[in-house]
Structure formats: C-alpha cells, structure tokens
Amino acid sequence: MDGRLKKSLKSGGREDRASEDTKRASSEEKFVSTQERRKMWSDEWTQSALPNAPELPGWHVCWLSTTNGYDSIDKRVRLGYVPVKAEEIDGFENHRVKAGEHIGYIACNEMLLFKIPEDIYQEIMTHFHHDQPMEEANKIKVQAESQVGRDSSGRKLGQVEGEGLGNIDKPLSAPVFA
C-alpha cells in the first residue's frame, strides 16, 4: 500500500489538532504591552502631524491655523504675530509656500508658522492666564461673601464652608510662560 494513502495521523509528521492547540500562542500574547499602548495613545493625541517649531532667540514660535474662524490669522497679526519666512530657518525649505497669499512663508497642511516677540508673548499670556483669572477669583470671593449676608449690626449671618475661598484672592506673582 502506498504510504501517502495511509490513514494514520502520525504518518508524514502530521499530528492531530488537539496537540497543536497547546503549541498555538494565546490571544493575550498578541496584545500590545502597556507601554506600547500608552505610546499609541500619546501619539494619537499629540501634534505629530506638524514638525517641531524651531527655537528663535527672542521670539515665541507657534503654528497657527488658517481655517480657524474664531482664532484667525488676522486676529493674531493684530496681537503682534509675524509669519516666519522660509529663509529665516534652516531645514524648512520643503515647507515653503510656493503659491497663494502666503508665498515664501513656512506652512504644513493648513498651518502657518508664526512668531511673536518674547516680551509681547509674556505680556499676553500674563494678561489672559494670570491677571484675568485673579480678577475672576476676586469676583467669586465677593459674590460668595455677599451670599452669606449680615445682620443689622454688621455681623455675618453664616459662613462659606470649606477651604476653597480662603486663599482665592491671595496675590500671586505672575509665572514665566514657556
């Protein structure tokens, strides 16, 4: 009888499926590690589509959208932002705009590279992210104190619970923004 037609499962090195199951990798082994998964999340939520903006001494550099209707390029120009020209930075020749209204500037997709003097940037950031929040904190404290009320002799009728308002109007020095 021809060995190829023999019904034995062991002939020709062939084994039954049950024995192969123990050799197969479990599905858990196919999953990515926690570290790999966190890197995937990080990559998903970062601006990896844009090249890192180079540092220009004395300037703050950032990418601005040409399609944002609320935070428009014109609004930023009025604040003091200036577009970065391709010849100002080495290595960005491939990002030079070759046609349209932004010829010669650095762009990536719908984003343009802009710069603003560091002192103006610090002034803007201090106003929006330090001074205005401090003003709002003072308003909250005044409003909370007015809710407590006073009797005819001027004594407080109650108190604001918790520690949240204790230091809300404490003066803080303005940070340096990066």
N, C-alpha and C. Protein backbone atom coordinates (compact mmCIF):
# COMPACT_ATOMS: atom_id res chain seq x y z
N MET A 1 0.84 -1.17 0.00
CA MET A 1 0.00 0.00 0.00
C MET A 1 0.89 1.24 0.00
N ASP A 2 0.43 2.24 -0.71
CA ASP A 2 1.16 3.49 -0.84
C ASP A 2 1.09 4.25 0.48
N GLY A 3 2.23 4.77 1.01
CA GLY A 3 2.29 5.48 2.28
C GLY A 3 1.50 6.78 2.26
N ARG A 4 1.27 7.31 1.09
CA ARG A 4 0.53 8.58 1.01
C ARG A 4 -0.95 8.39 1.29
N LEU A 5 -1.46 7.18 1.10
CA LEU A 5 -2.88 6.92 1.28
C LEU A 5 -3.20 6.37 2.65
N LYS A 6 -2.18 6.13 3.44
CA LYS A 6 -2.37 5.55 4.75
C LYS A 6 -3.14 6.49 5.65
N LYS A 7 -4.06 6.01 6.48
CA LYS A 7 -4.95 6.81 7.32
C LYS A 7 -4.32 7.23 8.65
N SER A 8 -3.14 6.87 8.94
CA SER A 8 -2.53 7.18 10.22
C SER A 8 -2.29 8.68 10.33
N LEU A 9 -2.66 9.24 11.49
CA LEU A 9 -2.45 10.67 11.71
C LEU A 9 -0.98 11.00 11.93
N LYS A 10 -0.21 10.00 12.33
CA LYS A 10 1.19 10.23 12.63
C LYS A 10 2.08 10.11 11.40
N SER A 11 1.54 9.63 10.31
CA SER A 11 2.38 9.45 9.13
C SER A 11 2.70 10.79 8.51
N GLY A 12 3.90 10.91 8.04
CA GLY A 12 4.32 12.15 7.39
C GLY A 12 4.51 13.30 8.37
N GLY A 13 4.63 13.02 9.67
CA GLY A 13 4.85 14.06 10.66
C GLY A 13 3.60 14.83 11.03
N ARG A 14 2.44 14.33 10.61
CA ARG A 14 1.19 15.03 10.87
C ARG A 14 0.64 14.64 12.22
N GLU A 15 0.15 15.62 12.99
CA GLU A 15 -0.42 15.33 14.30
C GLU A 15 -1.88 15.78 14.32
N ASP A 16 -2.59 15.36 15.37
CA ASP A 16 -3.99 15.76 15.46
C ASP A 16 -4.09 17.22 15.95
N ARG A 17 -5.23 17.82 15.76
CA ARG A 17 -5.42 19.24 16.07
C ARG A 17 -5.33 19.53 17.56
N ALA A 18 -5.74 18.65 18.39
CA ALA A 18 -5.70 18.86 19.84
C ALA A 18 -4.27 19.09 20.31
N SER A 19 -3.33 18.36 19.76
CA SER A 19 -1.94 18.54 20.17
C SER A 19 -1.39 19.87 19.66
N GLU A 20 -1.90 20.38 18.56
CA GLU A 20 -1.45 21.66 18.04
C GLU A 20 -1.97 22.83 18.86
N ASP A 21 -3.12 22.65 19.54
CA ASP A 21 -3.69 23.72 20.34
C ASP A 21 -2.75 24.17 21.44
N THR A 22 -2.02 23.25 22.02
CA THR A 22 -1.10 23.63 23.10
C THR A 22 0.08 24.42 22.57
N LYS A 23 0.40 24.26 21.30
CA LYS A 23 1.53 24.97 20.71
C LYS A 23 1.16 26.37 20.24
N ARG A 24 -0.13 26.62 20.00
CA ARG A 24 -0.55 27.92 19.49
C ARG A 24 -0.40 28.99 20.57
N ALA A 25 -0.08 30.20 20.14
CA ALA A 25 0.05 31.32 21.09
C ALA A 25 -1.33 31.75 21.56
N SER A 26 -1.42 32.09 22.82
CA SER A 26 -2.69 32.55 23.34
C SER A 26 -2.98 33.94 22.80
N SER A 27 -4.24 34.33 22.77
CA SER A 27 -4.61 35.63 22.22
C SER A 27 -4.05 36.76 23.07
N GLU A 28 -3.82 36.51 24.37
CA GLU A 28 -3.26 37.54 25.23
C GLU A 28 -1.85 37.93 24.79
N GLU A 29 -1.13 36.97 24.22
CA GLU A 29 0.23 37.25 23.78
C GLU A 29 0.25 38.15 22.55
N LYS A 30 -0.85 38.24 21.86
CA LYS A 30 -0.93 39.07 20.66
C LYS A 30 -1.20 40.54 20.99
N PHE A 31 -1.66 40.83 22.22
CA PHE A 31 -1.95 42.20 22.62
C PHE A 31 -0.64 42.96 22.79
N VAL A 32 -0.73 44.30 22.62
CA VAL A 32 0.45 45.13 22.83
C VAL A 32 0.66 45.33 24.33
N SER A 33 1.88 45.60 24.70
CA SER A 33 2.18 45.81 26.11
C SER A 33 1.59 47.13 26.58
N THR A 34 1.54 47.32 27.87
CA THR A 34 1.01 48.56 28.44
C THR A 34 1.81 49.75 27.96
N GLN A 35 3.12 49.59 27.92
CA GLN A 35 3.98 50.68 27.47
C GLN A 35 3.71 51.02 26.01
N GLU A 36 3.58 50.00 25.17
CA GLU A 36 3.30 50.25 23.75
C GLU A 36 1.94 50.91 23.57
N ARG A 37 0.95 50.45 24.35
CA ARG A 37 -0.40 51.01 24.26
C ARG A 37 -0.38 52.49 24.68
N ARG A 38 0.35 52.84 25.75
CA ARG A 38 0.43 54.23 26.18
C ARG A 38 1.11 55.11 25.14
N LYS A 39 2.13 54.56 24.47
CA LYS A 39 2.78 55.31 23.40
C LYS A 39 1.81 55.55 22.26
N MET A 40 0.99 54.53 21.93
CA MET A 40 -0.01 54.70 20.88
C MET A 40 -1.01 55.80 21.26
N TRP A 41 -1.45 55.83 22.52
CA TRP A 41 -2.37 56.88 22.97
C TRP A 41 -1.70 58.24 22.86
N SER A 42 -0.46 58.30 23.33
CA SER A 42 0.27 59.56 23.30
C SER A 42 0.41 60.06 21.86
N ASP A 43 0.78 59.16 20.96
CA ASP A 43 0.93 59.54 19.56
C ASP A 43 -0.39 59.99 18.96
N GLU A 44 -1.48 59.38 19.40
CA GLU A 44 -2.80 59.70 18.87
C GLU A 44 -3.23 61.12 19.25
N TRP A 45 -2.83 61.60 20.45
CA TRP A 45 -3.31 62.87 20.95
C TRP A 45 -2.28 63.98 20.91
N THR A 46 -1.16 63.78 20.26
CA THR A 46 -0.17 64.83 20.14
C THR A 46 -0.15 65.34 18.71
N GLN A 47 0.49 66.47 18.52
CA GLN A 47 0.55 67.08 17.19
C GLN A 47 1.69 66.48 16.38
N SER A 48 1.64 65.21 16.15
CA SER A 48 2.73 64.57 15.43
C SER A 48 2.68 64.87 13.94
N ALA A 49 1.60 65.48 13.46
CA ALA A 49 1.49 65.80 12.04
C ALA A 49 2.30 67.04 11.69
N LEU A 50 2.66 67.83 12.67
CA LEU A 50 3.41 69.06 12.43
C LEU A 50 4.87 68.88 12.87
N PRO A 51 5.79 69.44 12.12
CA PRO A 51 7.18 69.40 12.57
C PRO A 51 7.34 70.27 13.81
N ASN A 52 8.30 69.92 14.65
CA ASN A 52 8.55 70.74 15.84
C ASN A 52 8.99 72.13 15.40
N ALA A 53 8.36 73.12 16.00
CA ALA A 53 8.72 74.50 15.68
C ALA A 53 10.12 74.79 16.22
N PRO A 54 10.99 75.36 15.41
CA PRO A 54 12.35 75.64 15.86
C PRO A 54 12.36 76.80 16.85
N GLU A 55 13.41 76.87 17.64
CA GLU A 55 13.56 77.98 18.57
C GLU A 55 14.25 79.14 17.86
N LEU A 56 13.69 80.32 18.04
CA LEU A 56 14.30 81.54 17.54
C LEU A 56 14.57 82.43 18.74
N PRO A 57 15.82 82.74 19.04
CA PRO A 57 16.13 83.55 20.22
C PRO A 57 15.36 84.88 20.21
N GLY A 58 14.70 85.16 21.34
CA GLY A 58 13.94 86.41 21.47
C GLY A 58 12.52 86.34 20.96
N TRP A 59 12.13 85.18 20.41
CA TRP A 59 10.79 85.01 19.83
C TRP A 59 10.10 83.79 20.40
N HIS A 60 8.80 83.85 20.48
CA HIS A 60 7.98 82.67 20.75
C HIS A 60 7.44 82.22 19.40
N VAL A 61 7.59 80.95 19.07
CA VAL A 61 7.20 80.43 17.76
C VAL A 61 6.07 79.42 17.94
N CYS A 62 5.05 79.48 17.06
CA CYS A 62 3.95 78.52 17.14
C CYS A 62 3.28 78.37 15.77
N TRP A 63 2.54 77.28 15.63
CA TRP A 63 1.77 77.01 14.42
C TRP A 63 0.38 77.61 14.59
N LEU A 64 -0.10 78.33 13.58
CA LEU A 64 -1.44 78.91 13.61
C LEU A 64 -2.25 78.38 12.44
N SER A 65 -3.54 78.17 12.69
CA SER A 65 -4.43 77.61 11.67
C SER A 65 -4.97 78.70 10.76
N THR A 66 -4.96 78.43 9.47
CA THR A 66 -5.55 79.36 8.50
C THR A 66 -7.05 79.13 8.34
N THR A 67 -7.58 78.08 8.97
CA THR A 67 -9.00 77.75 8.80
C THR A 67 -9.84 78.02 10.05
N ASN A 68 -9.23 78.46 11.14
CA ASN A 68 -9.97 78.71 12.37
C ASN A 68 -10.64 80.07 12.29
N GLY A 69 -11.96 80.10 12.27
CA GLY A 69 -12.70 81.35 12.16
C GLY A 69 -12.65 82.19 13.41
N TYR A 70 -12.58 81.57 14.57
CA TYR A 70 -12.57 82.33 15.83
C TYR A 70 -11.17 82.88 16.13
N ASP A 71 -10.16 82.03 16.04
CA ASP A 71 -8.77 82.44 16.30
C ASP A 71 -8.07 82.60 14.96
N SER A 72 -8.42 83.66 14.26
CA SER A 72 -7.94 83.84 12.88
C SER A 72 -6.52 84.39 12.84
N ILE A 73 -5.92 84.25 11.68
CA ILE A 73 -4.57 84.79 11.44
C ILE A 73 -4.59 86.31 11.62
N ASP A 74 -5.63 86.98 11.10
CA ASP A 74 -5.73 88.44 11.22
C ASP A 74 -5.75 88.88 12.68
N LYS A 75 -6.46 88.14 13.51
CA LYS A 75 -6.54 88.45 14.94
C LYS A 75 -5.15 88.34 15.58
N ARG A 76 -4.41 87.29 15.22
CA ARG A 76 -3.07 87.10 15.78
C ARG A 76 -2.10 88.18 15.27
N VAL A 77 -2.25 88.58 14.02
CA VAL A 77 -1.38 89.63 13.47
C VAL A 77 -1.61 90.94 14.24
N ARG A 78 -2.87 91.24 14.58
CA ARG A 78 -3.17 92.44 15.37
C ARG A 78 -2.53 92.37 16.76
N LEU A 79 -2.34 91.15 17.30
CA LEU A 79 -1.69 90.98 18.60
C LEU A 79 -0.17 91.13 18.52
N GLY A 80 0.38 91.04 17.30
CA GLY A 80 1.82 91.19 17.14
C GLY A 80 2.52 90.00 16.51
N TYR A 81 1.78 88.95 16.12
CA TYR A 81 2.38 87.78 15.49
C TYR A 81 2.82 88.12 14.07
N VAL A 82 3.94 87.53 13.66
CA VAL A 82 4.52 87.76 12.34
C VAL A 82 4.80 86.39 11.72
N PRO A 83 4.46 86.20 10.42
CA PRO A 83 4.76 84.91 9.80
C PRO A 83 6.27 84.71 9.64
N VAL A 84 6.69 83.45 9.76
CA VAL A 84 8.11 83.12 9.64
C VAL A 84 8.41 82.80 8.17
N LYS A 85 9.42 83.47 7.63
CA LYS A 85 9.81 83.23 6.25
C LYS A 85 10.73 82.01 6.19
N ALA A 86 10.67 81.27 5.10
CA ALA A 86 11.44 80.03 4.96
C ALA A 86 12.94 80.27 5.05
N GLU A 87 13.42 81.42 4.59
CA GLU A 87 14.87 81.66 4.63
C GLU A 87 15.38 81.99 6.04
N GLU A 88 14.47 82.22 6.99
CA GLU A 88 14.88 82.52 8.37
C GLU A 88 15.36 81.27 9.12
N ILE A 89 14.92 80.09 8.67
CA ILE A 89 15.20 78.87 9.41
C ILE A 89 15.77 77.81 8.47
N ASP A 90 16.89 77.24 8.85
CA ASP A 90 17.48 76.16 8.06
C ASP A 90 16.66 74.89 8.22
N GLY A 91 16.56 74.13 7.15
CA GLY A 91 15.89 72.83 7.21
C GLY A 91 14.40 72.87 6.95
N PHE A 92 13.83 74.03 6.69
CA PHE A 92 12.39 74.13 6.44
C PHE A 92 12.10 74.52 4.99
N GLU A 93 13.06 74.31 4.11
CA GLU A 93 12.88 74.67 2.71
C GLU A 93 11.71 73.90 2.07
N ASN A 94 11.52 72.65 2.50
CA ASN A 94 10.43 71.85 1.94
C ASN A 94 9.06 72.31 2.39
N HIS A 95 9.02 73.16 3.40
CA HIS A 95 7.74 73.66 3.91
C HIS A 95 7.42 75.06 3.41
N ARG A 96 8.20 75.55 2.45
CA ARG A 96 7.98 76.89 1.89
C ARG A 96 6.71 76.88 1.04
N VAL A 97 5.87 77.89 1.24
CA VAL A 97 4.66 78.05 0.42
C VAL A 97 5.10 78.59 -0.93
N LYS A 98 4.68 77.91 -1.99
CA LYS A 98 5.12 78.27 -3.34
C LYS A 98 4.09 79.05 -4.14
N ALA A 99 2.84 79.07 -3.67
CA ALA A 99 1.78 79.79 -4.40
C ALA A 99 0.74 80.27 -3.40
N GLY A 100 -0.04 81.27 -3.80
CA GLY A 100 -1.11 81.77 -2.96
C GLY A 100 -0.69 83.01 -2.18
N GLU A 101 -1.50 83.37 -1.20
CA GLU A 101 -1.26 84.62 -0.47
C GLU A 101 -0.12 84.53 0.55
N HIS A 102 0.37 83.32 0.86
CA HIS A 102 1.41 83.15 1.87
C HIS A 102 2.74 82.71 1.25
N ILE A 103 3.03 83.15 0.06
CA ILE A 103 4.26 82.76 -0.66
C ILE A 103 5.49 83.11 0.17
N GLY A 104 6.39 82.12 0.29
CA GLY A 104 7.66 82.33 0.98
C GLY A 104 7.63 82.01 2.47
N TYR A 105 6.44 81.83 3.03
CA TYR A 105 6.34 81.52 4.46
C TYR A 105 6.39 80.02 4.68
N ILE A 106 6.54 79.61 5.92
CA ILE A 106 6.60 78.19 6.28
C ILE A 106 5.20 77.71 6.60
N ALA A 107 4.81 76.59 5.98
CA ALA A 107 3.46 76.04 6.19
C ALA A 107 3.53 74.52 6.22
N CYS A 108 2.55 73.94 6.87
CA CYS A 108 2.36 72.49 6.88
C CYS A 108 0.86 72.27 6.91
N ASN A 109 0.34 71.64 5.87
CA ASN A 109 -1.10 71.48 5.70
C ASN A 109 -1.75 72.87 5.75
N GLU A 110 -2.73 73.10 6.61
CA GLU A 110 -3.37 74.42 6.68
C GLU A 110 -2.75 75.30 7.76
N MET A 111 -1.63 74.89 8.33
CA MET A 111 -1.00 75.61 9.42
C MET A 111 0.17 76.45 8.90
N LEU A 112 0.30 77.66 9.47
CA LEU A 112 1.42 78.54 9.15
C LEU A 112 2.25 78.75 10.40
N LEU A 113 3.56 78.86 10.23
CA LEU A 113 4.46 79.11 11.35
C LEU A 113 4.55 80.61 11.59
N PHE A 114 4.26 81.02 12.83
CA PHE A 114 4.30 82.44 13.20
C PHE A 114 5.22 82.62 14.39
N LYS A 115 5.66 83.86 14.58
CA LYS A 115 6.49 84.20 15.71
C LYS A 115 5.98 85.51 16.30
N ILE A 116 6.28 85.71 17.59
CA ILE A 116 5.93 86.94 18.27
C ILE A 116 7.08 87.25 19.23
N PRO A 117 7.42 88.53 19.39
CA PRO A 117 8.50 88.85 20.34
C PRO A 117 8.18 88.30 21.73
N GLU A 118 9.20 87.76 22.38
CA GLU A 118 9.02 87.09 23.67
C GLU A 118 8.38 88.01 24.72
N ASP A 119 8.76 89.27 24.75
CA ASP A 119 8.19 90.17 25.75
C ASP A 119 6.69 90.40 25.53
N ILE A 120 6.26 90.51 24.29
CA ILE A 120 4.83 90.66 24.00
C ILE A 120 4.10 89.37 24.32
N TYR A 121 4.71 88.23 24.00
CA TYR A 121 4.09 86.93 24.32
C TYR A 121 3.88 86.80 25.83
N GLN A 122 4.89 87.15 26.63
CA GLN A 122 4.77 87.07 28.08
C GLN A 122 3.67 88.01 28.58
N GLU A 123 3.57 89.19 27.99
CA GLU A 123 2.53 90.15 28.37
C GLU A 123 1.14 89.60 28.07
N ILE A 124 0.96 89.03 26.90
CA ILE A 124 -0.34 88.45 26.51
C ILE A 124 -0.70 87.29 27.43
N MET A 125 0.24 86.38 27.64
CA MET A 125 -0.02 85.21 28.47
C MET A 125 -0.31 85.62 29.92
N THR A 126 0.42 86.61 30.44
CA THR A 126 0.18 87.08 31.81
C THR A 126 -1.22 87.66 31.93
N HIS A 127 -1.63 88.44 30.94
CA HIS A 127 -2.97 89.03 30.97
C HIS A 127 -4.05 87.95 30.97
N PHE A 128 -3.98 87.01 30.01
CA PHE A 128 -5.05 86.03 29.84
C PHE A 128 -5.00 84.87 30.85
N HIS A 129 -3.80 84.54 31.32
CA HIS A 129 -3.68 83.35 32.16
C HIS A 129 -3.23 83.63 33.59
N HIS A 130 -3.10 84.92 33.94
CA HIS A 130 -2.78 85.28 35.32
C HIS A 130 -3.70 86.40 35.82
N ASP A 131 -3.64 87.56 35.15
CA ASP A 131 -4.41 88.71 35.62
C ASP A 131 -5.92 88.46 35.56
N GLN A 132 -6.42 88.02 34.42
CA GLN A 132 -7.87 87.77 34.31
C GLN A 132 -8.36 86.70 35.29
N PRO A 133 -7.67 85.57 35.45
CA PRO A 133 -8.13 84.60 36.45
C PRO A 133 -8.12 85.17 37.88
N MET A 134 -7.15 86.03 38.20
CA MET A 134 -7.13 86.65 39.53
C MET A 134 -8.33 87.59 39.72
N GLU A 135 -8.69 88.34 38.67
CA GLU A 135 -9.87 89.20 38.74
C GLU A 135 -11.13 88.37 38.96
N GLU A 136 -11.23 87.25 38.24
CA GLU A 136 -12.40 86.37 38.39
C GLU A 136 -12.45 85.77 39.80
N ALA A 137 -11.30 85.43 40.35
CA ALA A 137 -11.24 84.89 41.71
C ALA A 137 -11.75 85.91 42.72
N ASN A 138 -11.36 87.17 42.54
CA ASN A 138 -11.84 88.23 43.43
C ASN A 138 -13.35 88.39 43.33
N LYS A 139 -13.88 88.32 42.11
CA LYS A 139 -15.33 88.43 41.91
C LYS A 139 -16.06 87.27 42.60
N ILE A 140 -15.50 86.09 42.52
CA ILE A 140 -16.11 84.91 43.16
C ILE A 140 -16.13 85.09 44.66
N LYS A 141 -15.04 85.58 45.23
CA LYS A 141 -14.98 85.78 46.68
C LYS A 141 -16.00 86.81 47.14
N VAL A 142 -16.08 87.93 46.41
CA VAL A 142 -17.05 88.97 46.76
C VAL A 142 -18.47 88.42 46.67
N GLN A 143 -18.75 87.68 45.62
CA GLN A 143 -20.09 87.10 45.45
C GLN A 143 -20.40 86.10 46.56
N ALA A 144 -19.46 85.27 46.93
CA ALA A 144 -19.67 84.28 48.00
C ALA A 144 -19.90 84.97 49.34
N GLU A 145 -19.14 86.03 49.61
CA GLU A 145 -19.32 86.75 50.86
C GLU A 145 -20.65 87.49 50.91
N SER A 146 -21.10 87.98 49.75
CA SER A 146 -22.40 88.68 49.73
C SER A 146 -23.56 87.71 49.93
N GLN A 147 -23.37 86.44 49.58
CA GLN A 147 -24.41 85.44 49.77
C GLN A 147 -24.63 85.11 51.24
N VAL A 148 -23.60 85.27 52.04
CA VAL A 148 -23.68 84.96 53.47
C VAL A 148 -24.62 85.94 54.16
N GLY A 149 -24.54 87.21 53.83
CA GLY A 149 -25.40 88.22 54.42
C GLY A 149 -24.91 88.68 55.79
N ARG A 150 -25.46 89.81 56.24
CA ARG A 150 -25.08 90.38 57.53
C ARG A 150 -26.34 90.84 58.26
N ASP A 151 -26.25 90.85 59.58
CA ASP A 151 -27.39 91.34 60.36
C ASP A 151 -27.30 92.86 60.50
N SER A 152 -28.20 93.46 61.27
CA SER A 152 -28.26 94.93 61.38
C SER A 152 -27.03 95.52 62.05
N SER A 153 -26.32 94.73 62.82
CA SER A 153 -25.10 95.25 63.45
C SER A 153 -23.85 94.99 62.61
N GLY A 154 -24.00 94.33 61.45
CA GLY A 154 -22.87 94.09 60.56
C GLY A 154 -22.19 92.75 60.72
N ARG A 155 -22.68 91.92 61.66
CA ARG A 155 -22.08 90.59 61.84
C ARG A 155 -22.56 89.65 60.74
N LYS A 156 -21.67 88.74 60.33
CA LYS A 156 -22.02 87.75 59.30
C LYS A 156 -23.08 86.81 59.84
N LEU A 157 -24.05 86.47 59.00
CA LEU A 157 -25.12 85.55 59.38
C LEU A 157 -24.73 84.09 59.15
N GLY A 158 -23.67 83.87 58.48
CA GLY A 158 -23.23 82.50 58.19
C GLY A 158 -21.79 82.52 57.71
N GLN A 159 -21.37 81.42 57.17
CA GLN A 159 -20.01 81.36 56.63
C GLN A 159 -19.98 80.44 55.43
N VAL A 160 -18.99 80.64 54.60
CA VAL A 160 -18.79 79.78 53.44
C VAL A 160 -18.06 78.55 53.92
N GLU A 161 -18.61 77.38 53.64
CA GLU A 161 -17.98 76.14 54.11
C GLU A 161 -16.79 75.77 53.26
N GLY A 162 -15.87 75.07 53.88
CA GLY A 162 -14.70 74.54 53.17
C GLY A 162 -13.57 75.54 53.13
N GLU A 163 -12.49 75.11 52.52
CA GLU A 163 -11.29 75.93 52.46
C GLU A 163 -11.09 76.58 51.10
N GLY A 164 -12.01 76.34 50.17
CA GLY A 164 -11.83 76.78 48.80
C GLY A 164 -11.67 78.26 48.60
N LEU A 165 -12.32 79.08 49.42
CA LEU A 165 -12.25 80.53 49.24
C LEU A 165 -11.23 81.19 50.13
N GLY A 166 -10.59 80.43 51.01
CA GLY A 166 -9.65 81.00 51.97
C GLY A 166 -8.52 81.78 51.33
N ASN A 167 -7.89 81.23 50.32
CA ASN A 167 -6.74 81.88 49.68
C ASN A 167 -7.02 82.31 48.25
N ILE A 168 -8.29 82.38 47.89
CA ILE A 168 -8.62 82.62 46.48
C ILE A 168 -8.15 83.99 46.00
N ASP A 169 -8.13 84.98 46.87
CA ASP A 169 -7.70 86.31 46.45
C ASP A 169 -6.26 86.63 46.87
N LYS A 170 -5.54 85.63 47.30
CA LYS A 170 -4.14 85.81 47.71
C LYS A 170 -3.32 86.21 46.48
N PRO A 171 -2.59 87.31 46.57
CA PRO A 171 -1.80 87.73 45.39
C PRO A 171 -0.69 86.74 45.09
N LEU A 172 -0.56 86.42 43.81
CA LEU A 172 0.49 85.50 43.34
C LEU A 172 1.33 86.24 42.32
N SER A 173 2.59 85.93 42.28
CA SER A 173 3.43 86.54 41.25
C SER A 173 3.17 85.84 39.92
N ALA A 174 3.26 86.60 38.85
CA ALA A 174 3.00 86.07 37.52
C ALA A 174 4.10 85.09 37.13
N PRO A 175 3.72 83.92 36.57
CA PRO A 175 4.75 82.96 36.14
C PRO A 175 5.37 83.38 34.80
N VAL A 176 6.47 82.73 34.47
CA VAL A 176 7.08 82.91 33.16
C VAL A 176 6.53 81.78 32.28
N PHE A 177 5.94 82.12 31.17
CA PHE A 177 5.30 81.13 30.30
C PHE A 177 6.31 80.63 29.27
N ALA A 178 6.23 79.32 29.02
CA ALA A 178 7.14 78.70 28.06
C ALA A 178 6.50 78.61 26.70
